[in-house]
PDB file of N, CA and C in Angstrom:
ATOM      1  N   MET A   1      16.499  25.791  16.223  1.00  0.00           N
ATOM      2  CA  MET A   1      15.578  25.094  15.596  1.00  0.00           C
ATOM      3  C   MET A   1      14.351  26.092  15.703  1.00  0.00           C
ATOM      4  N   ARG A   2      13.029  26.185  14.176  1.00  0.00           N
ATOM      5  CA  ARG A   2      12.460  26.291  14.113  1.00  0.00           C
ATOM      6  C   ARG A   2      11.015  26.188  13.865  1.00  0.00           C
ATOM      7  N   ILE A   3      10.085  26.822  14.666  1.00  0.00           N
ATOM      8  CA  ILE A   3       8.902  26.362  14.374  1.00  0.00           C
ATOM      9  C   ILE A   3       7.601  27.095  12.843  1.00  0.00           C
ATOM     10  N   TYR A   4       7.173  25.963  12.992  1.00  0.00           N
ATOM     11  CA  TYR A   4       6.185  26.370  11.596  1.00  0.00           C
ATOM     12  C   TYR A   4       4.584  25.495  11.678  1.00  0.00           C
ATOM     13  N   GLU A   5       3.752  26.778  11.298  1.00  0.00           N
ATOM     14  CA  GLU A   5       2.742  26.312  10.898  1.00  0.00           C
ATOM     15  C   GLU A   5       1.912  25.922   9.704  1.00  0.00           C
ATOM     16  N   PHE A   6       1.360  24.549   9.772  1.00  0.00           N
ATOM     17  CA  PHE A   6       0.840  24.067   8.567  1.00  0.00           C
ATOM     18  C   PHE A   6      -0.027  23.796   8.556  1.00  0.00           C
ATOM     19  N   GLY A   7      -1.009  24.033   9.275  1.00  0.00           N
ATOM     20  CA  GLY A   7      -2.490  23.585  10.026  1.00  0.00           C
ATOM     21  C   GLY A   7      -3.379  24.213   8.688  1.00  0.00           C
ATOM     22  N   PRO A   8      -4.859  23.919   8.962  1.00  0.00           N
ATOM     23  CA  PRO A   8      -6.182  24.452   8.012  1.00  0.00           C
ATOM     24  C   PRO A   8      -6.213  25.829   8.082  1.00  0.00           C
ATOM     25  N   SER A   9      -5.329  26.603   8.711  1.00  0.00           N
ATOM     26  CA  SER A   9      -5.317  27.887   8.586  1.00  0.00           C
ATOM     27  C   SER A   9      -4.322  28.902   7.594  1.00  0.00           C
ATOM     28  N   GLN A  10      -3.462  27.800   7.484  1.00  0.00           N
ATOM     29  CA  GLN A  10      -2.093  27.877   6.622  1.00  0.00           C
ATOM     30  C   GLN A  10      -2.780  27.283   5.143  1.00  0.00           C
ATOM     31  N   SER A  11      -4.049  26.842   5.020  1.00  0.00           N
ATOM     32  CA  SER A  11      -4.022  26.148   3.562  1.00  0.00           C
ATOM     33  C   SER A  11      -4.743  26.970   2.623  1.00  0.00           C
ATOM     34  N   ARG A  12      -4.774  26.314   1.572  1.00  0.00           N
ATOM     35  CA  ARG A  12      -5.535  27.178   0.126  1.00  0.00           C
ATOM     36  C   ARG A  12      -6.659  26.033  -0.398  1.00  0.00           C
ATOM     37  N   VAL A  13      -7.476  26.650  -0.449  1.00  0.00           N
ATOM     38  CA  VAL A  13      -8.930  25.555  -1.319  1.00  0.00           C
ATOM     39  C   VAL A  13      -8.207  25.414  -2.844  1.00  0.00           C
ATOM     40  N   VAL A  14      -8.396  24.210  -2.650  1.00  0.00           N
ATOM     41  CA  VAL A  14      -8.197  23.852  -4.124  1.00  0.00           C
ATOM     42  C   VAL A  14      -9.465  23.163  -4.846  1.00  0.00           C
ATOM     43  N   GLU A  15     -10.311  23.165  -5.959  1.00  0.00           N
ATOM     44  CA  GLU A  15     -11.327  22.609  -6.391  1.00  0.00           C
ATOM     45  C   GLU A  15     -11.135  21.693  -8.168  1.00  0.00           C
ATOM     46  N   GLN A  16      -9.509  22.183  -8.180  1.00  0.00           N
ATOM     47  CA  GLN A  16      -9.341  21.261  -9.488  1.00  0.00           C
ATOM     48  C   GLN A  16      -9.992  20.160  -9.635  1.00  0.00           C
ATOM     49  N   PHE A  17     -10.252  19.377 -10.608  1.00  0.00           N
ATOM     50  CA  PHE A  17     -11.135  18.077 -10.546  1.00  0.00           C
ATOM     51  C   PHE A  17     -12.028  17.938  -9.831  1.00  0.00           C
ATOM     52  N   ASP A  18     -13.000  18.823 -10.453  1.00  0.00           N
ATOM     53  CA  ASP A  18     -14.531  18.713  -9.265  1.00  0.00           C
ATOM     54  C   ASP A  18     -13.764  18.829  -7.736  1.00  0.00           C
ATOM     55  N   SER A  19     -12.820  18.721  -6.917  1.00  0.00           N
ATOM     56  CA  SER A  19     -13.012  18.473  -6.009  1.00  0.00           C
ATOM     57  C   SER A  19     -14.234  19.033  -4.627  1.00  0.00           C
ATOM     58  N   LYS A  20     -14.303  19.218  -4.205  1.00  0.00           N
ATOM     59  CA  LYS A  20     -15.314  19.553  -2.951  1.00  0.00           C
ATOM     60  C   LYS A  20     -14.417  19.325  -1.251  1.00  0.00           C
ATOM     61  N   GLY A  21     -14.389  20.771  -0.411  1.00  0.00           N
ATOM     62  CA  GLY A  21     -14.041  20.582   0.348  1.00  0.00           C
ATOM     63  C   GLY A  21     -12.890  20.250   1.336  1.00  0.00           C
ATOM     64  N   LEU A  22     -11.910  21.199  -0.219  1.00  0.00           N
ATOM     65  CA  LEU A  22     -10.533  20.344  -0.103  1.00  0.00           C
ATOM     66  C   LEU A  22      -9.815  21.260   0.026  1.00  0.00           C
ATOM     67  N   SER A  23      -8.622  21.512   0.935  1.00  0.00           N
ATOM     68  CA  SER A  23      -7.615  22.445   0.669  1.00  0.00           C
ATOM     69  C   SER A  23      -6.169  21.865   1.608  1.00  0.00           C
ATOM     70  N   VAL A  24      -5.231  22.210   0.845  1.00  0.00           N
ATOM     71  CA  VAL A  24      -3.643  22.105   0.958  1.00  0.00           C
ATOM     72  C   VAL A  24      -2.626  22.699   1.003  1.00  0.00           C
ATOM     73  N   THR A  25      -1.634  22.571   2.156  1.00  0.00           N
ATOM     74  CA  THR A  25      -0.689  23.727   3.004  1.00  0.00           C
ATOM     75  C   THR A  25       0.158  22.401   2.262  1.00  0.00           C
ATOM     76  N   GLY A  26       1.310  23.393   0.888  1.00  0.00           N
ATOM     77  CA  GLY A  26       2.222  22.793   0.990  1.00  0.00           C
ATOM     78  C   GLY A  26       3.772  22.768   2.161  1.00  0.00           C
ATOM     79  N   VAL A  27       4.026  21.578   2.211  1.00  0.00           N
ATOM     80  CA  VAL A  27       5.091  21.604   2.896  1.00  0.00           C
ATOM     81  C   VAL A  27       6.549  21.778   2.713  1.00  0.00           C
ATOM     82  N   LEU A  28       6.574  20.649   2.109  1.00  0.00           N
ATOM     83  CA  LEU A  28       8.179  20.636   1.389  1.00  0.00           C
ATOM     84  C   LEU A  28       8.357  20.298  -0.320  1.00  0.00           C
ATOM     85  N   GLY A  29       9.336  20.938  -0.985  1.00  0.00           N
ATOM     86  CA  GLY A  29       9.565  20.427  -2.383  1.00  0.00           C
ATOM     87  C   GLY A  29      11.255  20.276  -2.162  1.00  0.00           C
ATOM     88  N   SER A  30      11.546  19.904  -3.307  1.00  0.00           N
ATOM     89  CA  SER A  30      12.534  19.551  -3.683  1.00  0.00           C
ATOM     90  C   SER A  30      12.694  19.677  -5.406  1.00  0.00           C
ATOM     91  N   SER A  31      14.531  19.810  -5.224  1.00  0.00           N
ATOM     92  CA  SER A  31      14.678  19.770  -6.881  1.00  0.00           C
ATOM     93  C   SER A  31      14.820  18.088  -7.708  1.00  0.00           C
ATOM     94  N   GLU A  32      14.685  17.961  -6.701  1.00  0.00           N
ATOM     95  CA  GLU A  32      13.724  15.722  -7.255  1.00  0.00           C
ATOM     96  C   GLU A  32      12.819  15.733  -7.670  1.00  0.00           C
ATOM     97  N   ARG A  33      11.655  16.818  -7.657  1.00  0.00           N
ATOM     98  CA  ARG A  33      10.372  16.599  -8.290  1.00  0.00           C
ATOM     99  C   ARG A  33       9.709  15.619  -6.570  1.00  0.00           C
ATOM    100  N   THR A  34      10.787  16.136  -5.581  1.00  0.00           N
ATOM    101  CA  THR A  34       9.566  15.428  -4.586  1.00  0.00           C
ATOM    102  C   THR A  34       8.991  16.445  -3.446  1.00  0.00           C
ATOM    103  N   HIS A  35       7.512  16.234  -3.477  1.00  0.00           N
ATOM    104  CA  HIS A  35       6.565  17.082  -2.473  1.00  0.00           C
ATOM    105  C   HIS A  35       6.245  16.163  -1.760  1.00  0.00           C
ATOM    106  N   LEU A  36       5.865  17.291  -0.280  1.00  0.00           N
ATOM    107  CA  LEU A  36       4.736  17.168   0.568  1.00  0.00           C
ATOM    108  C   LEU A  36       4.222  17.844   0.804  1.00  0.00           C
ATOM    109  N   VAL A  37       3.025  17.073   1.137  1.00  0.00           N
ATOM    110  CA  VAL A  37       1.951  18.067   1.376  1.00  0.00           C
ATOM    111  C   VAL A  37       0.857  17.688   2.304  1.00  0.00           C
ATOM    112  N   CYS A  38       0.230  18.720   2.773  1.00  0.00           N
ATOM    113  CA  CYS A  38      -0.753  18.231   4.120  1.00  0.00           C
ATOM    114  C   CYS A  38      -2.396  18.979   3.093  1.00  0.00           C
ATOM    115  N   MET A  39      -3.084  17.724   3.516  1.00  0.00           N
ATOM    116  CA  MET A  39      -4.598  17.656   2.618  1.00  0.00           C
ATOM    117  C   MET A  39      -5.539  17.955   4.082  1.00  0.00           C
ATOM    118  N   TYR A  40      -6.132  18.500   4.125  1.00  0.00           N
ATOM    119  CA  TYR A  40      -7.254  18.857   5.157  1.00  0.00           C
ATOM    120  C   TYR A  40      -9.367  18.215   4.407  1.00  0.00           C
ATOM    121  N   ILE A  41      -9.532  17.012   4.448  1.00  0.00           N
ATOM    122  CA  ILE A  41     -10.990  16.949   3.753  1.00  0.00           C
ATOM    123  C   ILE A  41     -11.553  17.191   4.515  1.00  0.00           C
ATOM    124  N   ASP A  42     -12.435  18.127   4.167  1.00  0.00           N
ATOM    125  CA  ASP A  42     -14.125  18.571   5.291  1.00  0.00           C
ATOM    126  C   ASP A  42     -15.086  17.149   4.854  1.00  0.00           C
ATOM    127  N   ALA A  43     -16.020  16.789   6.252  1.00  0.00           N
ATOM    128  CA  ALA A  43     -16.869  16.449   6.291  1.00  0.00           C
ATOM    129  C   ALA A  43     -17.677  16.084   4.827  1.00  0.00           C
ATOM    130  N   GLU A  44     -17.578  15.148   4.000  1.00  0.00           N
ATOM    131  CA  GLU A  44     -18.664  15.415   2.769  1.00  0.00           C
ATOM    132  C   GLU A  44     -17.975  15.518   1.653  1.00  0.00           C
ATOM    133  N   GLY A  45     -16.436  16.264   1.661  1.00  0.00           N
ATOM    134  CA  GLY A  45     -15.707  16.351   1.049  1.00  0.00           C
ATOM    135  C   GLY A  45     -14.570  15.248  -0.128  1.00  0.00           C
ATOM    136  N   THR A  46     -14.325  15.828  -1.150  1.00  0.00           N
ATOM    137  CA  THR A  46     -13.714  15.092  -2.274  1.00  0.00           C
ATOM    138  C   THR A  46     -12.089  15.619  -2.468  1.00  0.00           C
ATOM    139  N   VAL A  47     -11.772  14.653  -3.131  1.00  0.00           N
ATOM    140  CA  VAL A  47     -10.398  15.083  -3.950  1.00  0.00           C
ATOM    141  C   VAL A  47     -10.832  14.250  -5.512  1.00  0.00           C
ATOM    142  N   GLY A  48     -11.036  14.701  -6.543  1.00  0.00           N
ATOM    143  CA  GLY A  48     -11.691  14.604  -7.782  1.00  0.00           C
ATOM    144  C   GLY A  48     -10.862  13.617  -8.812  1.00  0.00           C
ATOM    145  N   ARG A  49     -11.502  13.123  -9.000  1.00  0.00           N
ATOM    146  CA  ARG A  49     -10.799  11.788  -9.919  1.00  0.00           C
ATOM    147  C   ARG A  49      -9.669  12.701 -10.686  1.00  0.00           C
ATOM    148  N   HIS A  50      -8.540  11.968 -10.653  1.00  0.00           N
ATOM    149  CA  HIS A  50      -7.459  12.739 -11.867  1.00  0.00           C
ATOM    150  C   HIS A  50      -6.374  11.516 -11.892  1.00  0.00           C
ATOM    151  N   ASP A  51      -5.834  11.570 -12.651  1.00  0.00           N
ATOM    152  CA  ASP A  51      -4.286  10.543 -12.934  1.00  0.00           C
ATOM    153  C   ASP A  51      -2.559  11.489 -12.058  1.00  0.00           C
ATOM    154  N   ALA A  52      -2.126  10.526 -11.279  1.00  0.00           N
ATOM    155  CA  ALA A  52      -1.410  11.137 -10.651  1.00  0.00           C
ATOM    156  C   ALA A  52      -0.296  11.109 -11.737  1.00  0.00           C
ATOM    157  N   THR A  53      -0.054  12.540 -11.562  1.00  0.00           N
ATOM    158  CA  THR A  53       1.087  13.142 -12.257  1.00  0.00           C
ATOM    159  C   THR A  53       3.006  12.963 -12.145  1.00  0.00           C
ATOM    160  N   MET A  54       2.985  11.750 -10.791  1.00  0.00           N
ATOM    161  CA  MET A  54       4.321  10.922  -9.950  1.00  0.00           C
ATOM    162  C   MET A  54       3.143  10.086  -8.935  1.00  0.00           C
ATOM    163  N   GLU A  55       4.531   9.049  -8.836  1.00  0.00           N
ATOM    164  CA  GLU A  55       4.337   8.024  -7.745  1.00  0.00           C
ATOM    165  C   GLU A  55       3.346   9.110  -6.964  1.00  0.00           C
ATOM    166  N   GLN A  56       2.462   8.397  -5.776  1.00  0.00           N
ATOM    167  CA  GLN A  56       1.665   9.202  -4.725  1.00  0.00           C
ATOM    168  C   GLN A  56       1.506   8.367  -3.327  1.00  0.00           C
ATOM    169  N   LEU A  57       1.949   8.677  -1.861  1.00  0.00           N
ATOM    170  CA  LEU A  57       1.662   8.135  -0.985  1.00  0.00           C
ATOM    171  C   LEU A  57       0.795   9.103  -0.153  1.00  0.00           C
ATOM    172  N   PHE A  58      -0.393   8.030   0.187  1.00  0.00           N
ATOM    173  CA  PHE A  58      -1.878   9.457   0.799  1.00  0.00           C
ATOM    174  C   PHE A  58      -1.742   8.284   2.115  1.00  0.00           C
ATOM    175  N   MET A  59      -1.200   9.443   3.231  1.00  0.00           N
ATOM    176  CA  MET A  59      -1.181   8.534   4.365  1.00  0.00           C
ATOM    177  C   MET A  59      -2.046   9.844   5.560  1.00  0.00           C
ATOM    178  N   VAL A  60      -2.938   8.977   6.123  1.00  0.00           N
ATOM    179  CA  VAL A  60      -4.169   9.295   6.550  1.00  0.00           C
ATOM    180  C   VAL A  60      -3.654   9.606   8.260  1.00  0.00           C
ATOM    181  N   VAL A  61      -3.761  10.516   8.831  1.00  0.00           N
ATOM    182  CA  VAL A  61      -3.249  10.776  10.163  1.00  0.00           C
ATOM    183  C   VAL A  61      -4.316  11.165  10.828  1.00  0.00           C
ATOM    184  N   SER A  62      -5.610  11.163  10.376  1.00  0.00           N
ATOM    185  CA  SER A  62      -6.892  11.611  11.327  1.00  0.00           C
ATOM    186  C   SER A  62      -7.964  11.719  10.403  1.00  0.00           C
ATOM    187  N   GLY A  63      -8.900  10.976  11.052  1.00  0.00           N
ATOM    188  CA  GLY A  63     -10.274  10.963  10.324  1.00  0.00           C
ATOM    189  C   GLY A  63     -10.165   9.127   9.895  1.00  0.00           C
ATOM    190  N   GLU A  64     -10.989   9.086   8.619  1.00  0.00           N
ATOM    191  CA  GLU A  64     -10.630   8.109   8.149  1.00  0.00           C
ATOM    192  C   GLU A  64     -12.190   8.433   6.927  1.00  0.00           C
ATOM    193  N   GLY A  65     -11.842   7.749   5.871  1.00  0.00           N
ATOM    194  CA  GLY A  65     -12.818   8.310   4.614  1.00  0.00           C
ATOM    195  C   GLY A  65     -12.327   7.497   3.936  1.00  0.00           C
ATOM    196  N   TRP A  66     -12.062   6.787   2.045  1.00  0.00           N
ATOM    197  CA  TRP A  66     -12.380   6.203   1.057  1.00  0.00           C
ATOM    198  C   TRP A  66     -10.911   6.443  -0.016  1.00  0.00           C
ATOM    199  N   VAL A  67     -10.915   5.421  -0.530  1.00  0.00           N
ATOM    200  CA  VAL A  67      -9.880   5.906  -1.490  1.00  0.00           C
ATOM    201  C   VAL A  67     -10.497   4.943  -2.600  1.00  0.00           C
ATOM    202  N   SER A  68      -9.985   5.311  -3.898  1.00  0.00           N
ATOM    203  CA  SER A  68     -10.037   4.637  -4.740  1.00  0.00           C
ATOM    204  C   SER A  68      -8.857   4.723  -6.870  1.00  0.00           C
ATOM    205  N   GLY A  69      -8.813   3.638  -6.992  1.00  0.00           N
ATOM    206  CA  GLY A  69      -7.873   3.755  -8.098  1.00  0.00           C
ATOM    207  C   GLY A  69      -8.490   3.581  -8.852  1.00  0.00           C
ATOM    208  N   SER A  70      -7.516   3.041  -9.977  1.00  0.00           N
ATOM    209  CA  SER A  70      -8.161   3.078 -11.919  1.00  0.00           C
ATOM    210  C   SER A  70      -9.434   1.778 -11.823  1.00  0.00           C
ATOM    211  N   ASP A  71      -9.615   1.494 -10.891  1.00  0.00           N
ATOM    212  CA  ASP A  71     -11.234   0.907 -11.182  1.00  0.00           C
ATOM    213  C   ASP A  71     -11.991   1.483 -10.757  1.00  0.00           C
ATOM    214  N   GLY A  72     -12.244   2.593 -10.243  1.00  0.00           N
ATOM    215  CA  GLY A  72     -13.201   3.059  -9.257  1.00  0.00           C
ATOM    216  C   GLY A  72     -13.611   2.646  -8.082  1.00  0.00           C
ATOM    217  N   GLN A  73     -13.384   1.627  -7.380  1.00  0.00           N
ATOM    218  CA  GLN A  73     -14.092   1.106  -6.391  1.00  0.00           C
ATOM    219  C   GLN A  73     -13.268   1.868  -5.379  1.00  0.00           C
ATOM    220  N   ARG A  74     -14.218   2.268  -4.596  1.00  0.00           N
ATOM    221  CA  ARG A  74     -14.270   2.775  -2.996  1.00  0.00           C
ATOM    222  C   ARG A  74     -13.497   1.469  -2.246  1.00  0.00           C
ATOM    223  N   SER A  75     -12.753   2.268  -1.719  1.00  0.00           N
ATOM    224  CA  SER A  75     -11.650   0.964  -0.546  1.00  0.00           C
ATOM    225  C   SER A  75     -11.715   1.909   1.136  1.00  0.00           C
ATOM    226  N   PRO A  76     -12.614   1.944   2.248  1.00  0.00           N
ATOM    227  CA  PRO A  76     -12.162   2.234   3.222  1.00  0.00           C
ATOM    228  C   PRO A  76     -11.023   2.645   3.393  1.00  0.00           C
ATOM    229  N   ILE A  77     -10.261   3.808   4.041  1.00  0.00           N
ATOM    230  CA  ILE A  77      -9.196   4.073   5.067  1.00  0.00           C
ATOM    231  C   ILE A  77      -9.096   4.944   6.230  1.00  0.00           C
ATOM    232  N   ARG A  78      -8.563   4.602   7.108  1.00  0.00           N
ATOM    233  CA  ARG A  78      -8.446   5.179   8.144  1.00  0.00           C
ATOM    234  C   ARG A  78      -6.994   6.039   8.595  1.00  0.00           C
ATOM    235  N   ALA A  79      -7.218   6.446   9.814  1.00  0.00           N
ATOM    236  CA  ALA A  79      -5.892   6.934  10.349  1.00  0.00           C
ATOM    237  C   ALA A  79      -5.156   5.868  10.387  1.00  0.00           C
ATOM    238  N   GLY A  80      -3.980   5.898  10.177  1.00  0.00           N
ATOM    239  CA  GLY A  80      -2.467   5.193  10.402  1.00  0.00           C
ATOM    240  C   GLY A  80      -2.638   3.933   9.055  1.00  0.00           C
ATOM    241  N   GLN A  81      -3.114   4.350   8.230  1.00  0.00           N
ATOM    242  CA  GLN A  81      -2.921   3.631   6.949  1.00  0.00           C
ATOM    243  C   GLN A  81      -2.938   4.412   5.696  1.00  0.00           C
ATOM    244  N   ALA A  82      -2.652   3.862   4.924  1.00  0.00           N
ATOM    245  CA  ALA A  82      -2.181   4.755   3.300  1.00  0.00           C
ATOM    246  C   ALA A  82      -2.397   4.278   2.237  1.00  0.00           C
ATOM    247  N   ALA A  83      -2.660   5.121   0.991  1.00  0.00           N
ATOM    248  CA  ALA A  83      -3.029   3.990   0.050  1.00  0.00           C
ATOM    249  C   ALA A  83      -2.008   4.661  -0.909  1.00  0.00           C
ATOM    250  N   PHE A  84      -1.163   3.797  -1.615  1.00  0.00           N
ATOM    251  CA  PHE A  84      -0.317   4.511  -3.140  1.00  0.00           C
ATOM    252  C   PHE A  84      -0.643   4.158  -4.278  1.00  0.00           C
ATOM    253  N   TRP A  85      -0.593   4.849  -5.096  1.00  0.00           N
ATOM    254  CA  TRP A  85      -0.794   5.161  -6.397  1.00  0.00           C
ATOM    255  C   TRP A  85       0.271   5.207  -7.041  1.00  0.00           C
ATOM    256  N   ASN A  86       0.237   4.658  -8.505  1.00  0.00           N
ATOM    257  CA  ASN A  86       1.788   5.015  -9.198  1.00  0.00           C
ATOM    258  C   ASN A  86       1.199   5.595 -10.232  1.00  0.00           C
ATOM    259  N   HIS A  87       2.266   6.596 -10.847  1.00  0.00           N
ATOM    260  CA  HIS A  87       2.518   7.372 -11.779  1.00  0.00           C
ATOM    261  C   HIS A  87       1.579   6.582 -12.833  1.00  0.00           C
ATOM    262  N   GLY A  88       0.130   8.388 -13.202  1.00  0.00           N
ATOM    263  CA  GLY A  88      -0.034   7.794 -14.263  1.00  0.00           C
ATOM    264  C   GLY A  88      -1.943   6.913 -13.630  1.00  0.00           C
ATOM    265  N   GLU A  89      -1.231   6.386 -12.774  1.00  0.00           N
ATOM    266  CA  GLU A  89      -2.786   5.744 -12.136  1.00  0.00           C
ATOM    267  C   GLU A  89      -4.132   6.491 -11.810  1.00  0.00           C
ATOM    268  N   SER A  90      -5.174   6.750 -12.565  1.00  0.00           N
ATOM    269  CA  SER A  90      -6.600   7.475 -12.174  1.00  0.00           C
ATOM    270  C   SER A  90      -6.603   7.065 -10.648  1.00  0.00           C
ATOM    271  N   HIS A  91      -7.354   8.244  -9.893  1.00  0.00           N
ATOM    272  CA  HIS A  91      -7.262   8.110  -8.224  1.00  0.00           C
ATOM    273  C   HIS A  91      -8.811   9.027  -8.134  1.00  0.00           C
ATOM    274  N   ALA A  92      -9.361   8.806  -6.638  1.00  0.00           N
ATOM    275  CA  ALA A  92     -10.251   9.879  -6.256  1.00  0.00           C
ATOM    276  C   ALA A  92     -10.264   9.864  -4.389  1.00  0.00           C
ATOM    277  N   SER A  93     -10.718  10.037  -4.120  1.00  0.00           N
ATOM    278  CA  SER A  93     -10.531   9.675  -2.395  1.00  0.00           C
ATOM    279  C   SER A  93     -11.391  10.810  -1.845  1.00  0.00           C
ATOM    280  N   GLY A  94     -12.099  10.530  -0.471  1.00  0.00           N
ATOM    281  CA  GLY A  94     -13.368  11.865   0.047  1.00  0.00           C
ATOM    282  C   GLY A  94     -13.438  11.080   1.380  1.00  0.00           C
ATOM    283  N   SER A  95     -14.641  11.738   2.113  1.00  0.00           N
ATOM    284  CA  SER A  95     -14.458  11.180   3.445  1.00  0.00           C
ATOM    285  C   SER A  95     -16.108  12.199   3.976  1.00  0.00           C
ATOM    286  N   ASP A  96     -16.776  11.162   4.833  1.00  0.00           N
ATOM    287  CA  ASP A  96     -17.921  11.089   4.863  1.00  0.00           C
ATOM    288  C   ASP A  96     -17.888  12.737   6.624  1.00  0.00           C
ATOM    289  N   GLY A  97     -16.962  11.868   6.828  1.00  0.00           N
ATOM    290  CA  GLY A  97     -17.102  12.584   8.189  1.00  0.00           C
ATOM    291  C   GLY A  97     -16.026  13.934   8.282  1.00  0.00           C
ATOM    292  N   GLY A  98     -14.660  13.625   7.315  1.00  0.00           N
ATOM    293  CA  GLY A  98     -13.509  14.504   7.709  1.00  0.00           C
ATOM    294  C   GLY A  98     -12.247  14.022   7.512  1.00  0.00           C
ATOM    295  N   MET A  99     -11.563  14.129   7.073  1.00  0.00           N
ATOM    296  CA  MET A  99      -9.779  13.148   7.169  1.00  0.00           C
ATOM    297  C   MET A  99      -8.940  14.588   7.079  1.00  0.00           C
ATOM    298  N   THR A 100      -7.372  14.073   7.564  1.00  0.00           N
ATOM    299  CA  THR A 100      -6.523  14.906   7.566  1.00  0.00           C
ATOM    300  C   THR A 100      -5.254  13.855   6.665  1.00  0.00           C
ATOM    301  N   VAL A 101      -4.949  14.353   5.586  1.00  0.00           N
ATOM    302  CA  VAL A 101      -3.930  13.017   4.922  1.00  0.00           C
ATOM    303  C   VAL A 101      -2.614  14.337   4.861  1.00  0.00           C
ATOM    304  N   VAL A 102      -1.227  13.502   4.969  1.00  0.00           N
ATOM    305  CA  VAL A 102      -0.421  13.825   4.354  1.00  0.00           C
ATOM    306  C   VAL A 102       0.266  12.853   3.304  1.00  0.00           C
ATOM    307  N   VAL A 103       0.498  13.559   2.198  1.00  0.00           N
ATOM    308  CA  VAL A 103       0.082  12.910   0.861  1.00  0.00           C
ATOM    309  C   VAL A 103       1.876  13.825   0.387  1.00  0.00           C
ATOM    310  N   VAL A 104       3.041  12.581  -0.009  1.00  0.00           N
ATOM    311  CA  VAL A 104       4.193  12.465  -0.690  1.00  0.00           C
ATOM    312  C   VAL A 104       3.766  12.379  -2.215  1.00  0.00           C
ATOM    313  N   GLU A 105       4.673  13.200  -3.103  1.00  0.00           N
ATOM    314  CA  GLU A 105       4.321  12.943  -4.270  1.00  0.00           C
ATOM    315  C   GLU A 105       6.206  12.576  -4.772  1.00  0.00           C
ATOM    316  N   GLY A 106       5.976  11.974  -5.962  1.00  0.00           N
ATOM    317  CA  GLY A 106       7.913  11.652  -6.122  1.00  0.00           C
ATOM    318  C   GLY A 106       8.284  10.842  -7.185  1.00  0.00           C
ATOM    319  N   GLU A 107       9.399  11.042  -7.598  1.00  0.00           N
ATOM    320  CA  GLU A 107       9.714  10.036  -8.355  1.00  0.00           C
ATOM    321  C   GLU A 107      10.713   8.762  -8.375  1.00  0.00           C
ATOM    322  N   ASN A 108       9.891   7.668  -8.307  1.00  0.00           N
ATOM    323  CA  ASN A 108      11.111   6.303  -7.319  1.00  0.00           C
ATOM    324  C   ASN A 108      10.618   6.153  -6.145  1.00  0.00           C
ATOM    325  N   LEU A 109       9.952   6.532  -5.551  1.00  0.00           N
ATOM    326  CA  LEU A 109       9.697   6.656  -3.956  1.00  0.00           C
ATOM    327  C   LEU A 109      10.174   4.820  -3.279  1.00  0.00           C
ATOM    328  N   GLU A 110      10.635   4.831  -2.840  1.00  0.00           N
ATOM    329  CA  GLU A 110      10.890   3.721  -1.939  1.00  0.00           C
ATOM    330  C   GLU A 110      10.283   3.206  -0.885  1.00  0.00           C
ATOM    331  N   LEU A 111       8.825   2.541  -1.139  1.00  0.00           N
ATOM    332  CA  LEU A 111       7.911   2.088  -0.349  1.00  0.00           C
ATOM    333  C   LEU A 111       8.272   1.496   0.409  1.00  0.00           C
ATOM    334  N   ARG A 112       8.793   1.492   2.199  1.00  0.00           N
ATOM    335  CA  ARG A 112       8.822   0.684   2.972  1.00  0.00           C
ATOM    336  C   ARG A 112       7.766  -0.216   4.099  1.00  0.00           C
ATOM    337  N   LEU A 113       6.904   0.557   3.643  1.00  0.00           N
ATOM    338  CA  LEU A 113       5.384   0.174   4.742  1.00  0.00           C
ATOM    339  C   LEU A 113       5.351  -1.004   4.437  1.00  0.00           C
ATOM    340  N   ARG A 114       4.279  -2.208   4.942  1.00  0.00           N
ATOM    341  CA  ARG A 114       4.187  -2.995   4.996  1.00  0.00           C
ATOM    342  C   ARG A 114       3.081  -3.543   5.434  1.00  0.00           C
ATOM    343  N   GLN A 115       2.596  -3.885   3.898  1.00  0.00           N
ATOM    344  CA  GLN A 115       0.919  -4.504   3.542  1.00  0.00           C
ATOM    345  C   GLN A 115       0.086  -5.247   4.423  1.00  0.00           C
ATOM    346  N   THR A 116      -0.856  -5.271   5.297  1.00  0.00           N
ATOM    347  CA  THR A 116      -1.034  -5.678   5.606  1.00  0.00           C
ATOM    348  C   THR A 116      -2.543  -6.973   5.031  1.00  0.00           C
ATOM    349  N   GLU A 117      -2.544  -7.729   6.147  1.00  0.00           N
ATOM    350  CA  GLU A 117      -3.736  -8.818   5.074  1.00  0.00           C
ATOM    351  C   GLU A 117      -5.241  -8.273   5.192  1.00  0.00           C
ATOM    352  N   GLU A 118      -5.220  -7.559   6.128  1.00  0.00           N
ATOM    353  CA  GLU A 118      -6.484  -6.921   5.745  1.00  0.00           C
ATOM    354  C   GLU A 118      -6.706  -5.908   4.418  1.00  0.00           C
ATOM    355  N   THR A 119      -5.339  -5.339   4.021  1.00  0.00           N
ATOM    356  CA  THR A 119      -5.759  -4.519   2.968  1.00  0.00           C
ATOM    357  C   THR A 119      -5.222  -4.873   1.694  1.00  0.00           C
ATOM    358  N   LYS A 120      -4.762  -6.332   1.682  1.00  0.00           N
ATOM    359  CA  LYS A 120      -4.321  -6.832   0.398  1.00  0.00           C
ATOM    360  C   LYS A 120      -5.380  -6.988  -1.277  1.00  0.00           C
ATOM    361  N   GLU A 121      -6.802  -6.716  -0.114  1.00  0.00           N
ATOM    362  CA  GLU A 121      -7.646  -6.708  -1.990  1.00  0.00           C
ATOM    363  C   GLU A 121      -8.030  -5.428  -2.101  1.00  0.00           C
ATOM    364  N   ALA A 122      -7.307  -4.142  -1.152  1.00  0.00           N
ATOM    365  CA  ALA A 122      -8.223  -2.992  -1.783  1.00  0.00           C
ATOM    366  C   ALA A 122      -7.036  -2.821  -2.990  1.00  0.00           C
TER     367      ALA A 122
END
């Protein structure tokens, strides 16, 4: 067994797409074009609007914030919830108080989560 660090001290600041207060730690990659990163979105931070280059699962592990898809409508999201964007879908996210997010990007992801009634409108 080996222990690794992936906290904010290991992350790099990302300013692409006019993002603010965003840092990312790369965790996993594969030859199958699947990537896993940990994102740290500071209070008042944003991930600027951009198109998903692959399918993307955005899983909030602490804090809360908002996500939006192609329509630009912000939907609240909190720890224990996830958003999924399709390849090519325009999206953005942010937080008033800060949040930590694990993001998986890949092709032909097999989502095994169940959508709850309260989130079907989001």
